[in-house]
Amino acid sequence: VTIRASPRFIREPEPEVVVVFGSMISQDINISCVVYANPEPEVYWTFTNSMNIESIINATDSLLEDNVINSTLMLKGVRFEDRGLYNCTAANEYGFVSAQTDVQVIAQPDVMLEGDTPRVLLEQETDTISFTISDEYPQLPILDISWYFSTTGESDRINITGDANIGMTALQFSDSFLSLTLESISRDVMGQFTIEVQTSFAVSSSYVNVTIRASPRFIREPEPEVVVVFGSMISQDINISCVVYA
């Protein structure tokens, strides 16, 4: 007696979620299925992308035991273009089975500074530091946004999220916390501002170095002087001075 069997899955392919950091190459993933059939089946994979275009892709098959095949699809450096449906089909002369799984590729928010760094701000003026987050691809939900300020580096970094001022400079955060307006700018804010965006997976950050400049202003203006001269006699010497900051 010879027993024959149409294909059936011992293990179907499982869904995958891959997080991509901006333009960085992401991790490799393996998608596999295990199939039994007698005679041994032919196993092949198809991929349907987000544009609903289907293509056949190559996988690696290995024989685990008689009539049991493990078929593994290896995706190297997963990118957004790899998101979609992956379908494993096994067939022999007695029938076929198919199972599909979904690969989702989600972005860790990519935080970008608007404008240049270092940023030159004018003392006693009002200016805004703004960051943007690319919305080109589906992204992980943002759980929290924090702002930090330091003058010399990590050693003196302080959390300024929601604070009203740094020294004499008033702070005003936007509703989204992606922008920070500095009012009555003073030299207290010369240093580095860092924004951190927290998701359930990781933290993204960006920063801007701030330099303060000032137009000239008098700290002390020259004062009037009255000099009394006696005929042709030599009078006293006087000094007229002013003090300027810039």
Protein backbone atom coordinates (compact mmCIF):
# COMPACT_ATOMS: atom_id res chain seq x y z
CA VAL A 1 0.00 0.00 0.00
CA THR A 2 1.34 3.42 -0.97
CA ILE A 3 -0.02 6.47 0.77
CA ARG A 4 -0.27 9.77 -1.03
CA ALA A 5 -1.22 13.14 0.41
CA SER A 6 -1.99 16.57 -0.89
CA PRO A 7 0.02 19.39 0.75
CA ARG A 8 -0.90 20.72 4.19
CA PHE A 9 0.80 23.25 6.42
CA ILE A 10 2.55 22.17 9.59
CA ARG A 11 3.42 25.81 10.19
CA GLU A 12 2.10 28.80 8.27
CA PRO A 13 4.11 32.01 7.75
CA GLU A 14 3.76 34.54 10.57
CA PRO A 15 3.23 38.31 10.25
CA GLU A 16 6.19 40.63 10.71
CA VAL A 17 6.50 44.25 11.82
CA VAL A 18 9.76 46.03 10.93
CA VAL A 19 10.75 49.48 12.20
CA VAL A 20 12.90 51.59 9.89
CA PHE A 21 15.01 54.55 11.09
CA GLY A 22 14.92 57.26 8.44
CA SER A 23 17.30 56.37 5.60
CA MET A 24 19.15 53.72 7.61
CA ILE A 25 19.18 50.12 6.43
CA SER A 26 16.86 48.06 8.59
CA GLN A 27 17.26 44.55 9.91
CA ASP A 28 17.06 41.33 7.91
CA ILE A 29 14.02 39.11 8.43
CA ASN A 30 13.15 35.51 7.55
CA ILE A 31 9.64 34.37 6.70
CA SER A 32 9.09 30.64 6.59
CA CYS A 33 6.48 27.93 6.29
CA VAL A 34 6.66 24.18 6.89
CA VAL A 35 4.69 21.89 4.57
CA TYR A 36 3.95 18.16 4.45
CA ALA A 37 2.95 16.34 1.26
CA ASN A 38 3.50 13.01 -0.47
CA PRO A 39 5.01 13.18 -2.98
CA GLU A 40 7.10 16.16 -1.90
CA PRO A 41 5.53 19.43 -3.00
CA GLU A 42 6.89 22.26 -5.03
CA VAL A 43 6.90 25.40 -2.87
CA TYR A 44 6.93 28.92 -4.24
CA TRP A 45 6.37 32.44 -2.90
CA THR A 46 4.65 35.48 -4.35
CA PHE A 47 4.74 39.07 -3.15
CA THR A 48 1.94 41.62 -3.58
CA ASN A 49 3.15 45.15 -2.87
CA SER A 50 1.23 48.23 -1.74
CA MET A 51 0.43 49.00 -5.40
CA ASN A 52 -1.25 45.57 -5.69
CA ILE A 53 1.43 44.32 -8.09
CA GLU A 54 2.26 40.63 -7.69
CA SER A 55 5.65 39.06 -8.35
CA ILE A 56 7.33 35.69 -7.75
CA ILE A 57 10.31 35.68 -5.38
CA ASN A 58 12.93 33.06 -4.64
CA ALA A 59 13.13 31.18 -1.35
CA THR A 60 15.37 28.51 0.15
CA ASP A 61 13.89 25.04 0.75
CA SER A 62 15.26 22.39 3.08
CA LEU A 63 14.04 18.85 3.79
CA LEU A 64 13.37 18.44 7.52
CA GLU A 65 12.32 14.81 7.21
CA ASP A 66 10.60 12.61 4.65
CA ASN A 67 7.98 14.67 2.83
CA VAL A 68 8.33 17.66 5.20
CA ILE A 69 9.79 20.82 3.65
CA ASN A 70 10.78 24.05 5.34
CA SER A 71 10.68 26.98 2.90
CA THR A 72 12.37 30.20 4.04
CA LEU A 73 12.17 33.59 2.39
CA MET A 74 15.08 35.86 3.38
CA LEU A 75 14.56 39.62 3.15
CA LYS A 76 17.80 41.60 3.46
CA GLY A 77 17.82 45.17 4.75
CA VAL A 78 14.06 45.60 4.77
CA ARG A 79 12.83 48.90 3.28
CA PHE A 80 9.42 50.51 2.85
CA GLU A 81 9.18 48.98 -0.61
CA ASP A 82 9.13 45.52 1.01
CA ARG A 83 5.85 46.04 2.85
CA GLY A 84 2.93 44.01 1.57
CA LEU A 85 1.53 40.47 1.42
CA TYR A 86 3.77 37.41 1.12
CA ASN A 87 2.07 34.21 -0.03
CA CYS A 88 3.49 30.70 0.35
CA THR A 89 2.01 28.04 -1.98
CA ALA A 90 2.78 24.31 -1.92
CA ALA A 91 1.53 22.00 -4.66
CA ASN A 92 1.82 18.44 -5.88
CA GLU A 93 -0.25 16.33 -8.24
CA TYR A 94 -2.93 15.81 -5.57
CA GLY A 95 -3.62 19.45 -4.74
CA PHE A 96 -2.23 22.64 -3.28
CA VAL A 97 -2.44 24.91 -0.24
CA SER A 98 -1.67 28.62 0.17
CA ALA A 99 -1.15 30.86 3.17
CA GLN A 100 -0.21 34.51 3.27
CA THR A 101 1.24 36.87 5.82
CA ASP A 102 1.55 40.61 6.09
CA VAL A 103 4.87 42.44 6.46
CA GLN A 104 4.44 45.93 7.85
CA VAL A 105 7.25 48.46 7.61
CA ILE A 106 6.83 51.40 9.98
CA ALA A 107 9.06 54.46 10.40
CA GLN A 108 10.61 55.62 13.62
CA PRO A 109 9.91 59.39 13.42
CA ASP A 110 12.71 61.22 11.62
CA VAL A 111 13.19 64.61 13.32
CA MET A 112 14.66 67.37 11.15
CA LEU A 113 15.71 70.92 11.98
CA GLU A 114 14.19 73.73 9.94
CA GLY A 115 17.07 76.01 8.98
CA ASP A 116 20.78 75.87 9.70
CA THR A 117 22.93 75.07 12.71
CA PRO A 118 24.53 76.96 14.31
CA ARG A 119 21.59 79.37 14.52
CA VAL A 120 22.48 83.02 15.06
CA LEU A 121 19.91 84.89 17.17
CA LEU A 122 19.83 88.58 17.99
CA GLU A 123 19.81 89.65 21.61
CA GLN A 124 16.57 91.21 22.90
CA GLU A 125 14.70 90.02 19.76
CA THR A 126 12.15 87.20 19.33
CA ASP A 127 12.94 84.11 17.23
CA THR A 128 11.65 80.55 16.79
CA ILE A 129 13.45 77.20 16.64
CA SER A 130 11.39 74.64 14.70
CA PHE A 131 11.71 70.96 13.89
CA THR A 132 9.62 68.84 11.52
CA ILE A 133 8.81 65.13 11.35
CA SER A 134 8.55 63.50 7.94
CA ASP A 135 5.11 62.06 7.20
CA GLU A 136 6.10 60.30 3.98
CA TYR A 137 5.57 56.81 5.46
CA PRO A 138 3.43 55.24 8.19
CA GLN A 139 5.01 55.97 11.56
CA LEU A 140 4.97 54.72 15.10
CA PRO A 141 2.74 56.81 17.38
CA ILE A 142 4.61 59.51 19.29
CA LEU A 143 4.32 59.04 23.04
CA ASP A 144 6.27 62.06 24.25
CA ILE A 145 8.34 65.05 23.06
CA SER A 146 11.00 66.58 25.32
CA TRP A 147 13.32 69.59 24.98
CA TYR A 148 16.76 69.94 26.57
CA PHE A 149 19.25 72.79 26.85
CA SER A 150 22.96 72.74 27.62
CA THR A 151 25.78 75.25 27.49
CA THR A 152 28.79 72.93 27.60
CA GLY A 153 27.50 69.44 26.79
CA GLU A 154 25.83 66.46 28.42
CA SER A 155 27.15 67.32 31.87
CA ASP A 156 24.91 70.37 32.29
CA ARG A 157 21.97 69.32 30.12
CA ILE A 158 18.61 70.25 31.65
CA ASN A 159 15.05 69.36 30.67
CA ILE A 160 13.25 72.59 29.72
CA THR A 161 10.02 71.01 28.44
CA GLY A 162 7.17 73.34 29.39
CA ASP A 163 9.45 75.77 31.26
CA ALA A 164 8.60 79.48 31.15
CA ASN A 165 12.12 80.83 30.79
CA ILE A 166 15.87 80.29 30.68
CA GLY A 167 17.45 83.15 32.61
CA MET A 168 16.06 86.38 31.13
CA THR A 169 14.73 84.67 27.97
CA ALA A 170 11.04 83.73 27.91
CA LEU A 171 10.08 80.38 26.35
CA GLN A 172 6.87 79.63 24.45
CA PHE A 173 6.26 76.08 23.14
CA SER A 174 3.87 75.35 20.27
CA ASP A 175 0.90 73.02 20.79
CA SER A 176 2.74 70.22 18.97
CA PHE A 177 5.95 70.88 20.95
CA LEU A 178 7.89 70.88 17.66
CA SER A 179 8.57 74.62 17.85
CA LEU A 180 10.03 76.81 20.58
CA THR A 181 9.76 80.59 20.50
CA LEU A 182 12.40 82.58 22.40
CA GLU A 183 11.28 86.03 23.52
CA SER A 184 13.54 88.86 24.75
CA ILE A 185 16.54 86.76 23.82
CA SER A 186 19.49 86.98 26.20
CA ARG A 187 22.94 85.42 26.32
CA ASP A 188 21.47 82.84 28.73
CA VAL A 189 20.30 80.78 25.74
CA MET A 190 23.65 80.52 23.96
CA GLY A 191 24.25 76.78 23.79
CA GLN A 192 22.61 73.67 22.38
CA PHE A 193 18.87 72.91 22.18
CA THR A 194 17.95 69.23 21.72
CA ILE A 195 14.54 67.73 20.96
CA GLU A 196 13.77 64.06 21.68
CA VAL A 197 10.77 62.19 20.26
CA GLN A 198 9.80 59.04 22.16
CA THR A 199 7.91 56.09 20.70
CA SER A 200 7.28 52.62 22.07
CA PHE A 201 10.32 51.42 20.12
CA ALA A 202 13.05 54.06 20.46
CA VAL A 203 13.97 57.74 20.80
CA SER A 204 14.70 60.01 17.84
CA SER A 205 16.51 63.29 18.40
CA SER A 206 17.86 66.36 16.69
CA TYR A 207 19.59 69.51 17.91
CA VAL A 208 20.58 73.07 17.06
CA ASN A 209 23.50 75.12 18.34
CA VAL A 210 22.55 78.69 19.16
CA THR A 211 24.89 81.69 19.04
CA ILE A 212 23.79 85.08 20.32
CA ARG A 213 24.74 88.33 18.59
CA ALA A 214 23.76 91.91 19.43
CA SER A 215 23.67 95.27 17.67
CA PRO A 216 25.51 98.06 19.53
CA ARG A 217 23.81 99.71 22.50
CA PHE A 218 25.01 102.15 25.10
CA ILE A 219 25.60 100.94 28.62
CA ARG A 220 26.63 104.52 29.49
CA GLU A 221 26.26 107.52 27.20
CA PRO A 222 28.73 110.46 27.28
CA GLU A 223 27.86 113.01 29.96
CA PRO A 224 27.86 116.79 29.59
CA GLU A 225 30.82 118.68 31.02
CA VAL A 226 31.24 122.33 32.07
CA VAL A 227 34.78 123.75 31.97
CA VAL A 228 35.71 127.16 33.35
CA VAL A 229 38.65 128.91 31.69
CA PHE A 230 40.48 131.84 33.37
CA GLY A 231 41.67 134.14 30.63
CA SER A 232 44.62 132.66 28.87
CA MET A 233 45.41 130.26 31.68
CA ILE A 234 45.62 126.59 30.91
CA SER A 235 42.45 124.93 32.16
CA GLN A 236 42.03 121.45 33.51
CA ASP A 237 41.95 118.32 31.41
CA ILE A 238 38.65 116.47 31.01
CA ASN A 239 37.66 113.03 29.80
CA ILE A 240 34.45 112.33 27.93
CA SER A 241 33.58 108.66 27.60
CA CYS A 242 30.85 106.24 26.67
CA VAL A 243 30.46 102.50 27.25
CA VAL A 244 29.04 100.35 24.47
CA TYR A 245 27.95 96.70 24.31
CA ALA A 246 27.67 94.73 21.05
